[in-house]
Amino acid sequence: MNDFESISIEGYAEGSGDEHPRYAAIVLAAGVGSRMRSDTKKQFMPLCDVPVVIHALKAFDENSNISSIVLVTGREDMEYARMLCMEYGIKKLSSIAEGGSTRFRSVYNGLRCVSAETDYVLIHDGARPLVSESLINRCCDYVTGYKACVAAIPTSDTIKTGDGSGYAVETLDRASLYIVQTPQAFFYPLIMDAYDRLFVTVNEYQSDESKITDDAVIVESMSSYRVKFVNGDKCNIKITTPEDMIIAEALLNMKKNH
């Protein structure tokens, strides 16, 4: 197993050790963001004068359920990310982990930095800056009962499959289709065991890594647990293109004015 770099945050204090469940958050900010057409990585671009990833970090930092946060970012950005977190007062940050070559490798590095005393972990895309307190709370509530859950919203669009040549093949029943978001929340021992099993499969059998699109699919394929849907949030958009920044800014301004 390859080693990875991490930064432990000096001054971070562990929780009180009471009997309440301990929830950790892993915030992923290791992407390149090539579709943003910017020299600045999307997670560090200013959104209402605050870097995108800081909006996401603040949501978890200010949530009373969350006891610690692990930030995952590129090796070249780790020190910059640490300075940003200090500047914006992210108090629950316990460590910064180096991102991997794929999303699931980045998650694994983050999971390995989570305290062994953690009961549940919420995994969130740093490019989703509008995650709300209520959505985080719902994920905490659901994961306590179901051990594995993901934020999701029913699709209102018609979805068709194609044949690879630009022709429609089949119209899917949208009543059973959901758009999956993050956070995705799991019982910590469950997600760690699923990832450990995944890496045995990937390393020994050269699995098709393109099919590993989120954390839920790892739990589905590496354990007997079913993943429960949590009511997501249409405002919980993912920043992918420059147009998304405009939408996110409008949504943030709307929230401030209400």
Protein backbone atom coordinates (compact mmCIF):
# COMPACT_ATOMS: atom_id res chain seq x y z
CA MET A 1 0.00 0.00 0.00
CA ASN A 2 1.41 3.38 -0.99
CA ASP A 3 2.18 5.88 1.73
CA PHE A 4 0.67 9.34 1.58
CA GLU A 5 1.41 12.63 3.22
CA SER A 6 -0.76 14.22 5.88
CA ILE A 7 -0.60 17.23 8.15
CA SER A 8 -1.82 16.95 11.73
CA ILE A 9 -3.30 20.23 12.87
CA GLU A 10 -1.56 21.60 15.95
CA GLY A 11 -3.96 22.76 18.61
CA TYR A 12 -6.83 20.54 17.48
CA ALA A 13 -8.50 19.11 20.57
CA GLU A 14 -10.30 15.76 20.68
CA GLY A 15 -13.91 15.67 21.84
CA SER A 16 -15.03 15.41 25.41
CA GLY A 17 -15.23 11.62 25.33
CA ASP A 18 -18.91 11.52 26.32
CA GLU A 19 -21.31 8.78 25.29
CA HIS A 20 -22.75 10.59 22.28
CA PRO A 21 -21.89 9.20 18.83
CA ARG A 22 -18.83 10.77 17.25
CA TYR A 23 -19.30 12.02 13.68
CA ALA A 24 -16.32 12.97 11.54
CA ALA A 25 -16.45 14.72 8.17
CA ILE A 26 -14.11 14.14 5.25
CA VAL A 27 -14.14 17.05 2.80
CA LEU A 28 -12.65 16.28 -0.62
CA ALA A 29 -10.80 19.11 -2.35
CA ALA A 30 -8.16 17.36 -4.45
CA GLY A 31 -9.69 17.82 -7.91
CA VAL A 32 -8.21 19.80 -10.77
CA GLY A 33 -11.44 21.31 -12.09
CA SER A 34 -10.41 21.41 -15.76
CA ARG A 35 -13.91 22.38 -16.92
CA MET A 36 -13.74 25.65 -14.98
CA ARG A 37 -11.32 27.15 -17.56
CA SER A 38 -9.39 28.88 -14.78
CA ASP A 39 -5.81 28.86 -13.52
CA THR A 40 -7.22 28.65 -9.99
CA LYS A 41 -8.54 25.26 -8.91
CA LYS A 42 -12.30 25.41 -8.43
CA GLN A 43 -12.16 24.53 -4.74
CA PHE A 44 -10.08 27.65 -4.10
CA MET A 45 -11.97 30.03 -6.36
CA PRO A 46 -13.72 32.92 -4.55
CA LEU A 47 -17.47 32.50 -4.08
CA CYS A 48 -18.94 35.65 -2.52
CA ASP A 49 -15.33 36.54 -1.57
CA VAL A 50 -14.76 33.23 0.27
CA PRO A 51 -13.03 30.17 -1.29
CA VAL A 52 -15.50 27.49 -2.39
CA VAL A 53 -14.08 24.81 -0.09
CA ILE A 54 -14.22 27.11 2.94
CA HIS A 55 -18.00 27.39 2.54
CA ALA A 56 -18.23 23.58 2.77
CA LEU A 57 -15.77 23.38 5.67
CA LYS A 58 -17.64 26.04 7.63
CA ALA A 59 -20.90 24.11 7.30
CA PHE A 60 -19.36 21.11 9.05
CA ASP A 61 -17.30 23.18 11.46
CA GLU A 62 -20.40 24.98 12.72
CA ASN A 63 -22.55 21.84 12.99
CA SER A 64 -22.93 20.60 16.56
CA ASN A 65 -22.97 16.93 15.48
CA ILE A 66 -19.54 17.01 13.85
CA SER A 67 -16.55 16.47 16.15
CA SER A 68 -13.68 16.53 13.63
CA ILE A 69 -12.90 17.29 10.00
CA VAL A 70 -10.32 15.80 7.64
CA LEU A 71 -9.59 17.85 4.53
CA VAL A 72 -8.17 16.03 1.48
CA THR A 73 -6.32 18.09 -1.08
CA GLY A 74 -3.45 17.84 -3.57
CA ARG A 75 0.04 17.49 -2.15
CA GLU A 76 1.04 20.83 -3.67
CA ASP A 77 -1.93 22.55 -2.00
CA MET A 78 -1.71 21.10 1.51
CA GLU A 79 0.16 23.99 3.12
CA TYR A 80 -1.99 26.57 1.32
CA ALA A 81 -5.13 24.77 2.50
CA ARG A 82 -3.81 24.75 6.08
CA MET A 83 -3.26 28.51 5.92
CA LEU A 84 -6.75 29.07 4.52
CA CYS A 85 -8.30 27.04 7.32
CA MET A 86 -6.40 29.09 9.89
CA GLU A 87 -7.42 32.34 8.21
CA TYR A 88 -11.11 31.40 8.23
CA GLY A 89 -11.09 29.86 11.70
CA ILE A 90 -11.92 26.21 10.92
CA LYS A 91 -11.62 24.89 14.47
CA LYS A 92 -12.56 21.22 14.05
CA LEU A 93 -9.93 20.47 11.39
CA SER A 94 -7.89 17.54 12.72
CA SER A 95 -5.69 16.82 9.69
CA ILE A 96 -5.10 17.46 6.00
CA ALA A 97 -4.51 14.39 3.85
CA GLU A 98 -2.91 14.13 0.45
CA GLY A 99 -5.29 13.38 -2.39
CA GLY A 100 -4.88 10.36 -4.63
CA SER A 101 -5.01 9.87 -8.39
CA THR A 102 -8.77 9.13 -8.25
CA ARG A 103 -11.63 10.19 -6.01
CA PHE A 104 -11.85 6.86 -4.19
CA ARG A 105 -8.12 6.90 -3.49
CA SER A 106 -8.50 10.38 -2.02
CA VAL A 107 -11.35 9.16 0.19
CA TYR A 108 -9.26 6.22 1.38
CA ASN A 109 -6.43 8.55 2.39
CA GLY A 110 -8.94 10.67 4.27
CA LEU A 111 -10.47 7.66 6.02
CA ARG A 112 -7.04 6.60 7.23
CA CYS A 113 -6.65 9.98 8.95
CA VAL A 114 -9.93 9.75 10.86
CA SER A 115 -9.62 9.03 14.58
CA ALA A 116 -10.17 5.37 15.49
CA GLU A 117 -12.68 6.54 18.10
CA THR A 118 -15.01 7.83 15.37
CA ASP A 119 -18.40 6.13 15.11
CA TYR A 120 -19.68 7.58 11.82
CA VAL A 121 -18.12 9.47 8.94
CA LEU A 122 -19.70 11.88 6.45
CA ILE A 123 -17.90 12.17 3.11
CA HIS A 124 -18.54 15.40 1.21
CA ASP A 125 -17.36 17.05 -2.00
CA GLY A 126 -15.60 20.32 -1.27
CA ALA A 127 -17.06 21.58 -4.55
CA ARG A 128 -20.54 21.51 -2.96
CA PRO A 129 -20.33 24.76 -0.97
CA LEU A 130 -24.06 25.09 -0.18
CA VAL A 131 -24.48 22.02 2.01
CA SER A 132 -26.96 23.00 4.70
CA GLU A 133 -27.08 22.37 8.42
CA SER A 134 -30.37 20.50 8.03
CA LEU A 135 -28.93 18.14 5.40
CA ILE A 136 -25.91 17.36 7.58
CA ASN A 137 -28.24 16.69 10.49
CA ARG A 138 -30.43 14.39 8.39
CA CYS A 139 -27.38 12.40 7.32
CA CYS A 140 -26.28 12.06 10.96
CA ASP A 141 -29.75 10.89 11.98
CA TYR A 142 -30.09 8.37 9.16
CA VAL A 143 -26.61 6.88 9.40
CA THR A 144 -27.13 6.18 13.10
CA GLY A 145 -30.06 3.94 12.22
CA TYR A 146 -29.11 2.54 8.80
CA LYS A 147 -25.26 2.46 8.90
CA ALA A 148 -25.05 3.63 5.26
CA CYS A 149 -26.92 6.49 3.60
CA VAL A 150 -26.55 9.05 0.82
CA ALA A 151 -28.16 12.39 0.11
CA ALA A 152 -30.29 12.11 -3.03
CA ILE A 153 -33.13 13.84 -4.83
CA PRO A 154 -35.67 12.25 -7.22
CA THR A 155 -35.10 13.24 -10.83
CA SER A 156 -37.84 15.26 -12.50
CA ASP A 157 -36.30 14.88 -15.97
CA THR A 158 -36.89 12.15 -18.50
CA ILE A 159 -33.80 9.91 -18.64
CA LYS A 160 -32.92 7.79 -21.68
CA THR A 161 -30.13 5.34 -22.34
CA GLY A 162 -28.16 5.59 -25.57
CA ASP A 163 -26.34 3.18 -27.84
CA GLY A 164 -23.03 5.05 -27.97
CA SER A 165 -23.75 6.43 -31.43
CA GLY A 166 -26.13 9.15 -30.39
CA TYR A 167 -29.38 7.19 -30.69
CA ALA A 168 -31.90 6.68 -27.89
CA VAL A 169 -32.42 3.08 -26.83
CA GLU A 170 -34.68 3.09 -23.80
CA THR A 171 -36.60 5.53 -21.63
CA LEU A 172 -36.11 4.73 -17.95
CA ASP A 173 -38.82 4.93 -15.32
CA ARG A 174 -37.97 8.18 -13.56
CA ALA A 175 -40.06 7.19 -10.55
CA SER A 176 -37.17 4.94 -9.49
CA LEU A 177 -34.31 7.30 -10.45
CA TYR A 178 -32.44 9.54 -8.03
CA ILE A 179 -29.68 12.10 -8.40
CA VAL A 180 -27.08 11.29 -5.77
CA GLN A 181 -25.30 14.06 -3.88
CA THR A 182 -22.99 14.28 -0.92
CA PRO A 183 -22.72 13.97 2.05
CA GLN A 184 -22.61 10.21 1.98
CA ALA A 185 -22.55 8.86 5.53
CA PHE A 186 -21.42 5.51 6.91
CA PHE A 187 -20.67 3.59 10.08
CA TYR A 188 -16.93 4.11 10.23
CA PRO A 189 -15.88 0.43 10.65
CA LEU A 190 -18.18 -0.49 7.76
CA ILE A 191 -16.75 2.00 5.27
CA MET A 192 -13.16 1.24 6.32
CA ASP A 193 -13.69 -2.49 5.83
CA ALA A 194 -15.36 -1.90 2.45
CA TYR A 195 -12.44 0.25 1.29
CA ASP A 196 -9.88 -2.26 2.55
CA ARG A 197 -11.66 -4.98 0.57
CA LEU A 198 -11.86 -2.72 -2.48
CA PHE A 199 -8.13 -2.14 -2.54
CA VAL A 200 -7.43 -5.86 -2.40
CA THR A 201 -9.69 -6.23 -5.44
CA VAL A 202 -8.19 -3.25 -7.29
CA ASN A 203 -4.59 -4.20 -6.60
CA GLU A 204 -4.86 -7.97 -7.15
CA TYR A 205 -7.51 -8.26 -9.83
CA GLN A 206 -7.15 -4.97 -11.72
CA SER A 207 -10.81 -4.06 -11.41
CA ASP A 208 -12.43 -1.51 -13.71
CA GLU A 209 -11.89 1.65 -11.69
CA SER A 210 -14.21 3.70 -13.91
CA LYS A 211 -17.19 2.02 -12.21
CA ILE A 212 -16.16 3.31 -8.78
CA THR A 213 -18.07 6.58 -8.96
CA ASP A 214 -18.94 7.16 -5.30
CA ASP A 215 -18.62 5.69 -1.83
CA ALA A 216 -22.05 4.07 -1.84
CA VAL A 217 -21.14 1.76 -4.73
CA ILE A 218 -18.16 0.53 -2.71
CA VAL A 219 -20.34 -0.38 0.25
CA GLU A 220 -22.92 -1.97 -2.08
CA SER A 221 -20.32 -4.15 -3.78
CA MET A 222 -18.07 -4.94 -0.81
CA SER A 223 -20.62 -5.58 1.93
CA SER A 224 -24.12 -6.89 2.51
CA TYR A 225 -25.44 -3.50 3.63
CA ARG A 226 -28.06 -1.62 1.64
CA VAL A 227 -27.64 2.14 1.25
CA LYS A 228 -30.54 4.31 2.41
CA PHE A 229 -31.55 7.51 0.61
CA VAL A 230 -31.66 10.72 2.63
CA ASN A 231 -33.72 13.62 1.30
CA GLY A 232 -31.18 15.81 -0.46
CA ASP A 233 -31.31 19.49 -1.31
CA LYS A 234 -31.68 21.04 -4.77
CA CYS A 235 -29.53 23.96 -3.62
CA ASN A 236 -26.70 21.55 -2.79
CA ILE A 237 -25.18 21.92 -6.25
CA LYS A 238 -21.71 20.82 -7.30
CA ILE A 239 -19.42 23.43 -8.83
CA THR A 240 -18.27 22.01 -12.16
CA THR A 241 -18.49 24.81 -14.76
CA PRO A 242 -18.24 28.62 -14.65
CA GLU A 243 -22.03 28.80 -14.91
CA ASP A 244 -22.31 26.88 -11.63
CA MET A 245 -20.42 29.65 -9.86
CA ILE A 246 -23.03 32.15 -10.99
CA ILE A 247 -25.85 29.93 -9.74
CA ALA A 248 -24.09 29.27 -6.42
CA GLU A 249 -23.51 32.98 -5.85
CA ALA A 250 -27.17 33.73 -6.52
CA LEU A 251 -28.25 30.97 -4.10
CA LEU A 252 -25.90 32.23 -1.39
CA ASN A 253 -27.16 35.78 -1.77
CA MET A 254 -30.74 34.52 -1.61
CA LYS A 255 -29.98 32.68 1.64
CA LYS A 256 -28.40 35.80 3.15
CA ASN A 257 -31.47 37.87 2.33
CA HIS A 258 -33.92 35.48 4.02
